[in-house]
Structure formats: structure tokens, C-alpha cells
């Protein structure tokens, strides 16, 4: 993914399905992923992107780990349940004072 407009939900959806997402800094803005752990960060350069794809597919250990980590991130931080809990805490703190 090279651009940020309109792709945040697609990135989160892909991560929630355990897919490795390769994107630019703009692609991941607002998503708290860690490059090399649960996503792959590349510059806006088609050759570097192609190299990143090749490298992740050639390293099955990193690929498998990143898939699992991406799924965990999406589930723990961006699922409907985690968002509901976060809003619940906000409301509790707001109205308990």
C-alpha cells in the first residue's frame, strides 16, 4: 500500500485475517503497528516494495510470526470489543467524577 487515503480499514481488516501488510509510513498513520514485528514498512519506491515482498516470503519464520502478531494487534487494539471496552473506560472516568 503506497498511500494513506481510504486504506486504514483495509489494512486493519487484512491484519485481522493474519495477513502480512507491507506499506509506507503514510499507509500506517494512526495504526500502532511495529515494523518488523506486525507489519513491514517501506519507502515509496516500487523496487524497495518488491524487495520487501520477496524478503518476507523467503523468510517463513518471520512471515509466520508477523502474521500472528498482526492478528493479535488487530484483535487486541482494533476489534469492536476492544474499542467498546476503551469507550466504556472513558465513560466510566467521565461520569464517575
N, C-alpha and C. Protein backbone atom coordinates (compact mmCIF):
# COMPACT_ATOMS: atom_id res chain seq x y z
N UNK A 1 0.85 -1.16 0.00
CA UNK A 1 0.00 0.00 0.00
C UNK A 1 0.90 1.23 0.00
N UNK A 2 0.66 2.12 -0.92
CA UNK A 2 1.53 3.28 -1.05
C UNK A 2 0.93 4.55 -0.47
N UNK A 3 -0.37 4.66 -0.42
CA UNK A 3 -0.99 5.91 0.01
C UNK A 3 -1.92 5.66 1.18
N UNK A 4 -2.22 6.72 1.95
CA UNK A 4 -2.98 6.56 3.17
C UNK A 4 -4.47 6.75 3.05
N UNK A 5 -4.92 7.44 2.06
CA UNK A 5 -6.34 7.79 1.97
C UNK A 5 -7.22 6.58 1.70
N UNK A 6 -8.13 6.30 2.65
CA UNK A 6 -9.11 5.25 2.45
C UNK A 6 -8.64 3.82 2.63
N UNK A 7 -7.44 3.64 3.15
CA UNK A 7 -6.97 2.25 3.25
C UNK A 7 -6.80 1.75 4.68
N UNK A 8 -7.04 2.61 5.66
CA UNK A 8 -6.82 2.20 7.06
C UNK A 8 -7.65 0.98 7.41
N UNK A 9 -8.92 0.99 7.06
CA UNK A 9 -9.77 -0.16 7.37
C UNK A 9 -9.33 -1.40 6.61
N UNK A 10 -8.85 -1.23 5.40
CA UNK A 10 -8.37 -2.37 4.63
C UNK A 10 -7.13 -2.98 5.28
N UNK A 11 -6.26 -2.13 5.80
CA UNK A 11 -5.07 -2.62 6.49
C UNK A 11 -5.48 -3.39 7.75
N UNK A 12 -6.37 -2.80 8.54
CA UNK A 12 -6.81 -3.46 9.76
C UNK A 12 -7.54 -4.76 9.45
N UNK A 13 -8.33 -4.77 8.40
CA UNK A 13 -9.03 -5.99 8.00
C UNK A 13 -8.03 -7.08 7.60
N UNK A 14 -7.04 -6.70 6.82
CA UNK A 14 -6.02 -7.67 6.40
C UNK A 14 -5.26 -8.20 7.61
N UNK A 15 -4.89 -7.31 8.53
CA UNK A 15 -4.18 -7.75 9.73
C UNK A 15 -5.05 -8.68 10.57
N UNK A 16 -6.34 -8.37 10.66
CA UNK A 16 -7.24 -9.21 11.46
C UNK A 16 -7.38 -10.61 10.87
N UNK A 17 -7.11 -10.75 9.58
CA UNK A 17 -7.15 -12.05 8.92
C UNK A 17 -5.78 -12.73 8.95
N UNK A 18 -4.81 -12.12 9.65
CA UNK A 18 -3.49 -12.71 9.77
C UNK A 18 -2.65 -12.56 8.52
N UNK A 19 -2.85 -11.48 7.81
CA UNK A 19 -2.05 -11.23 6.61
C UNK A 19 -0.92 -10.26 6.93
N UNK A 20 0.21 -10.44 6.30
CA UNK A 20 1.32 -9.51 6.44
C UNK A 20 1.03 -8.31 5.55
N UNK A 21 1.07 -7.12 6.14
CA UNK A 21 0.81 -5.91 5.37
C UNK A 21 2.12 -5.16 5.17
N UNK A 22 2.40 -4.84 3.93
CA UNK A 22 3.59 -4.07 3.56
C UNK A 22 3.10 -2.73 3.08
N UNK A 23 3.57 -1.66 3.72
CA UNK A 23 3.10 -0.33 3.35
C UNK A 23 4.10 0.75 3.70
N UNK A 24 3.74 1.97 3.37
CA UNK A 24 4.57 3.14 3.65
C UNK A 24 4.16 3.76 4.99
N UNK A 25 4.93 4.73 5.41
CA UNK A 25 4.65 5.45 6.65
C UNK A 25 3.24 6.04 6.62
N UNK A 26 2.85 6.61 5.49
CA UNK A 26 1.51 7.19 5.35
C UNK A 26 0.44 6.11 5.45
N UNK A 27 0.71 4.94 4.91
CA UNK A 27 -0.25 3.83 4.96
C UNK A 27 -0.60 3.46 6.38
N UNK A 28 0.39 3.51 7.28
CA UNK A 28 0.19 3.05 8.65
C UNK A 28 -0.11 4.17 9.64
N UNK A 29 -0.27 5.41 9.16
CA UNK A 29 -0.56 6.51 10.09
C UNK A 29 -1.83 6.20 10.87
N UNK A 30 -1.74 6.34 12.19
CA UNK A 30 -2.88 6.09 13.05
C UNK A 30 -3.05 4.64 13.46
N UNK A 31 -2.22 3.76 12.91
CA UNK A 31 -2.26 2.35 13.28
C UNK A 31 -0.97 2.08 14.05
N UNK A 32 -1.10 1.60 15.26
CA UNK A 32 0.05 1.42 16.13
C UNK A 32 0.74 0.07 15.88
N UNK A 33 1.27 -0.08 14.68
CA UNK A 33 1.99 -1.31 14.38
C UNK A 33 3.49 -1.05 14.52
N UNK A 34 4.23 -2.13 14.69
CA UNK A 34 5.67 -2.04 14.86
C UNK A 34 6.34 -2.72 13.66
N UNK A 35 7.02 -1.93 12.83
CA UNK A 35 7.69 -2.51 11.66
C UNK A 35 8.62 -3.66 12.05
N UNK A 36 8.52 -4.75 11.29
CA UNK A 36 9.33 -5.92 11.55
C UNK A 36 8.71 -6.86 12.58
N UNK A 37 7.69 -6.39 13.28
CA UNK A 37 7.01 -7.22 14.28
C UNK A 37 5.62 -7.63 13.80
N UNK A 38 4.83 -6.65 13.36
CA UNK A 38 3.48 -6.96 12.90
C UNK A 38 3.12 -6.26 11.59
N UNK A 39 4.10 -5.62 10.97
CA UNK A 39 3.91 -5.01 9.65
C UNK A 39 5.29 -4.81 9.01
N UNK A 40 5.29 -4.48 7.74
CA UNK A 40 6.54 -4.19 7.03
C UNK A 40 6.44 -2.77 6.50
N UNK A 41 7.38 -1.93 6.91
CA UNK A 41 7.40 -0.53 6.50
C UNK A 41 8.43 -0.34 5.39
N UNK A 42 8.00 0.27 4.29
CA UNK A 42 8.91 0.53 3.17
C UNK A 42 8.75 1.97 2.71
N UNK A 43 9.73 2.43 1.97
CA UNK A 43 9.67 3.76 1.37
C UNK A 43 8.79 3.69 0.13
N UNK A 44 8.37 4.86 -0.35
CA UNK A 44 7.57 4.91 -1.57
C UNK A 44 8.53 4.72 -2.76
N UNK A 45 8.80 3.47 -3.04
CA UNK A 45 9.71 3.10 -4.12
C UNK A 45 9.35 1.68 -4.55
N UNK A 46 8.94 1.53 -5.79
CA UNK A 46 8.45 0.22 -6.23
C UNK A 46 9.50 -0.89 -6.12
N UNK A 47 10.77 -0.56 -6.31
CA UNK A 47 11.81 -1.58 -6.21
C UNK A 47 11.99 -2.04 -4.76
N UNK A 48 11.94 -1.09 -3.82
CA UNK A 48 12.08 -1.44 -2.41
C UNK A 48 10.85 -2.22 -1.94
N UNK A 49 9.70 -1.88 -2.46
CA UNK A 49 8.48 -2.63 -2.12
C UNK A 49 8.58 -4.07 -2.62
N UNK A 50 9.02 -4.22 -3.86
CA UNK A 50 9.15 -5.56 -4.43
C UNK A 50 10.17 -6.38 -3.64
N UNK A 51 11.26 -5.76 -3.25
CA UNK A 51 12.28 -6.44 -2.45
C UNK A 51 11.71 -6.86 -1.10
N UNK A 52 10.91 -5.99 -0.47
CA UNK A 52 10.29 -6.32 0.82
C UNK A 52 9.36 -7.52 0.69
N UNK A 53 8.60 -7.58 -0.40
CA UNK A 53 7.71 -8.72 -0.63
C UNK A 53 8.52 -10.00 -0.78
N UNK A 54 9.57 -9.95 -1.58
CA UNK A 54 10.42 -11.12 -1.77
C UNK A 54 11.03 -11.59 -0.45
N UNK A 55 11.55 -10.63 0.32
CA UNK A 55 12.22 -10.98 1.57
C UNK A 55 11.28 -11.62 2.58
N UNK A 56 10.07 -11.09 2.71
CA UNK A 56 9.15 -11.65 3.70
C UNK A 56 8.68 -13.04 3.29
N UNK A 57 8.50 -13.28 2.00
CA UNK A 57 8.09 -14.61 1.55
C UNK A 57 9.24 -15.63 1.65
N UNK A 58 10.47 -15.16 1.57
CA UNK A 58 11.61 -16.07 1.66
C UNK A 58 11.95 -16.45 3.10
N UNK A 59 11.50 -15.65 4.05
CA UNK A 59 11.78 -15.91 5.46
C UNK A 59 10.49 -16.39 6.12
N UNK A 60 10.25 -17.69 6.07
CA UNK A 60 8.99 -18.25 6.57
C UNK A 60 8.80 -18.06 8.07
N UNK A 61 9.88 -18.05 8.84
CA UNK A 61 9.78 -17.84 10.28
C UNK A 61 9.27 -16.43 10.56
N UNK A 62 9.87 -15.44 9.92
CA UNK A 62 9.44 -14.05 10.10
C UNK A 62 8.03 -13.86 9.56
N UNK A 63 7.74 -14.47 8.44
CA UNK A 63 6.41 -14.37 7.83
C UNK A 63 5.33 -14.90 8.77
N UNK A 64 5.55 -16.09 9.32
CA UNK A 64 4.58 -16.70 10.22
C UNK A 64 4.42 -15.88 11.50
N UNK A 65 5.52 -15.43 12.04
CA UNK A 65 5.49 -14.62 13.26
C UNK A 65 4.76 -13.31 13.03
N UNK A 66 5.05 -12.66 11.92
CA UNK A 66 4.42 -11.38 11.61
C UNK A 66 2.92 -11.54 11.39
N UNK A 67 2.51 -12.63 10.76
CA UNK A 67 1.08 -12.89 10.58
C UNK A 67 0.38 -13.01 11.92
N UNK A 68 0.97 -13.78 12.82
CA UNK A 68 0.37 -13.97 14.15
C UNK A 68 0.34 -12.65 14.92
N UNK A 69 1.43 -11.90 14.85
CA UNK A 69 1.50 -10.63 15.56
C UNK A 69 0.51 -9.61 15.00
N UNK A 70 0.33 -9.59 13.69
CA UNK A 70 -0.63 -8.68 13.07
C UNK A 70 -2.05 -9.01 13.52
N UNK A 71 -2.35 -10.29 13.55
CA UNK A 71 -3.69 -10.73 14.01
C UNK A 71 -3.91 -10.34 15.46
N UNK A 72 -2.92 -10.58 16.30
CA UNK A 72 -3.03 -10.21 17.71
C UNK A 72 -3.24 -8.71 17.89
N UNK A 73 -2.48 -7.91 17.17
CA UNK A 73 -2.62 -6.46 17.26
C UNK A 73 -4.03 -6.03 16.87
N UNK A 74 -4.51 -6.51 15.76
CA UNK A 74 -5.84 -6.12 15.29
C UNK A 74 -6.91 -6.52 16.29
N UNK A 75 -6.76 -7.70 16.85
CA UNK A 75 -7.76 -8.19 17.80
C UNK A 75 -7.71 -7.44 19.13
N UNK A 76 -6.51 -7.22 19.64
CA UNK A 76 -6.37 -6.59 20.96
C UNK A 76 -6.59 -5.09 20.95
N UNK A 77 -6.26 -4.43 19.86
CA UNK A 77 -6.31 -2.97 19.84
C UNK A 77 -7.43 -2.40 18.98
N UNK A 78 -7.84 -3.10 17.94
CA UNK A 78 -8.76 -2.50 16.97
C UNK A 78 -10.07 -3.27 16.76
N UNK A 79 -10.29 -4.35 17.50
CA UNK A 79 -11.54 -5.08 17.34
C UNK A 79 -12.69 -4.27 17.94
N UNK A 80 -13.90 -4.61 17.55
CA UNK A 80 -15.07 -3.92 18.11
C UNK A 80 -15.11 -4.08 19.62
N UNK A 81 -14.76 -5.25 20.11
CA UNK A 81 -14.80 -5.50 21.54
C UNK A 81 -13.79 -4.62 22.28
N UNK A 82 -12.57 -4.50 21.74
CA UNK A 82 -11.56 -3.67 22.41
C UNK A 82 -11.93 -2.19 22.36
N UNK A 83 -12.53 -1.77 21.27
CA UNK A 83 -12.98 -0.36 21.16
C UNK A 83 -14.11 -0.11 22.14
N UNK A 84 -15.04 -1.06 22.25
CA UNK A 84 -16.15 -0.92 23.20
C UNK A 84 -15.63 -0.79 24.62
N UNK A 85 -14.66 -1.61 24.97
CA UNK A 85 -14.08 -1.55 26.32
C UNK A 85 -13.38 -0.21 26.56
N UNK A 86 -12.66 0.28 25.57
CA UNK A 86 -11.97 1.56 25.70
C UNK A 86 -12.96 2.70 25.91
N UNK A 87 -14.04 2.70 25.13
CA UNK A 87 -15.07 3.73 25.32
C UNK A 87 -15.74 3.58 26.67
N UNK A 88 -15.95 2.35 27.12
CA UNK A 88 -16.54 2.12 28.43
C UNK A 88 -15.70 2.75 29.53
N UNK A 89 -14.39 2.61 29.45
CA UNK A 89 -13.49 3.21 30.43
C UNK A 89 -13.56 4.73 30.39
N UNK A 90 -13.64 5.27 29.18
CA UNK A 90 -13.74 6.73 29.04
C UNK A 90 -15.02 7.22 29.71
N UNK A 91 -16.13 6.57 29.44
CA UNK A 91 -17.41 6.98 30.03
C UNK A 91 -17.40 6.80 31.54
N UNK A 92 -16.82 5.70 32.03
CA UNK A 92 -16.75 5.49 33.47
C UNK A 92 -15.98 6.60 34.15
N UNK A 93 -14.82 6.95 33.56
CA UNK A 93 -13.99 8.01 34.14
C UNK A 93 -14.67 9.37 34.04
N UNK A 94 -15.35 9.59 32.96
CA UNK A 94 -16.02 10.90 32.74
C UNK A 94 -17.18 11.10 33.71
N UNK A 95 -17.96 10.06 33.93
CA UNK A 95 -19.18 10.22 34.72
C UNK A 95 -19.03 9.79 36.18
N UNK A 96 -17.84 9.29 36.54
CA UNK A 96 -17.67 8.88 37.93
C UNK A 96 -17.14 10.02 38.79
N UNK A 97 -16.76 11.11 38.18
CA UNK A 97 -16.24 12.27 38.93
C UNK A 97 -17.32 13.18 39.40
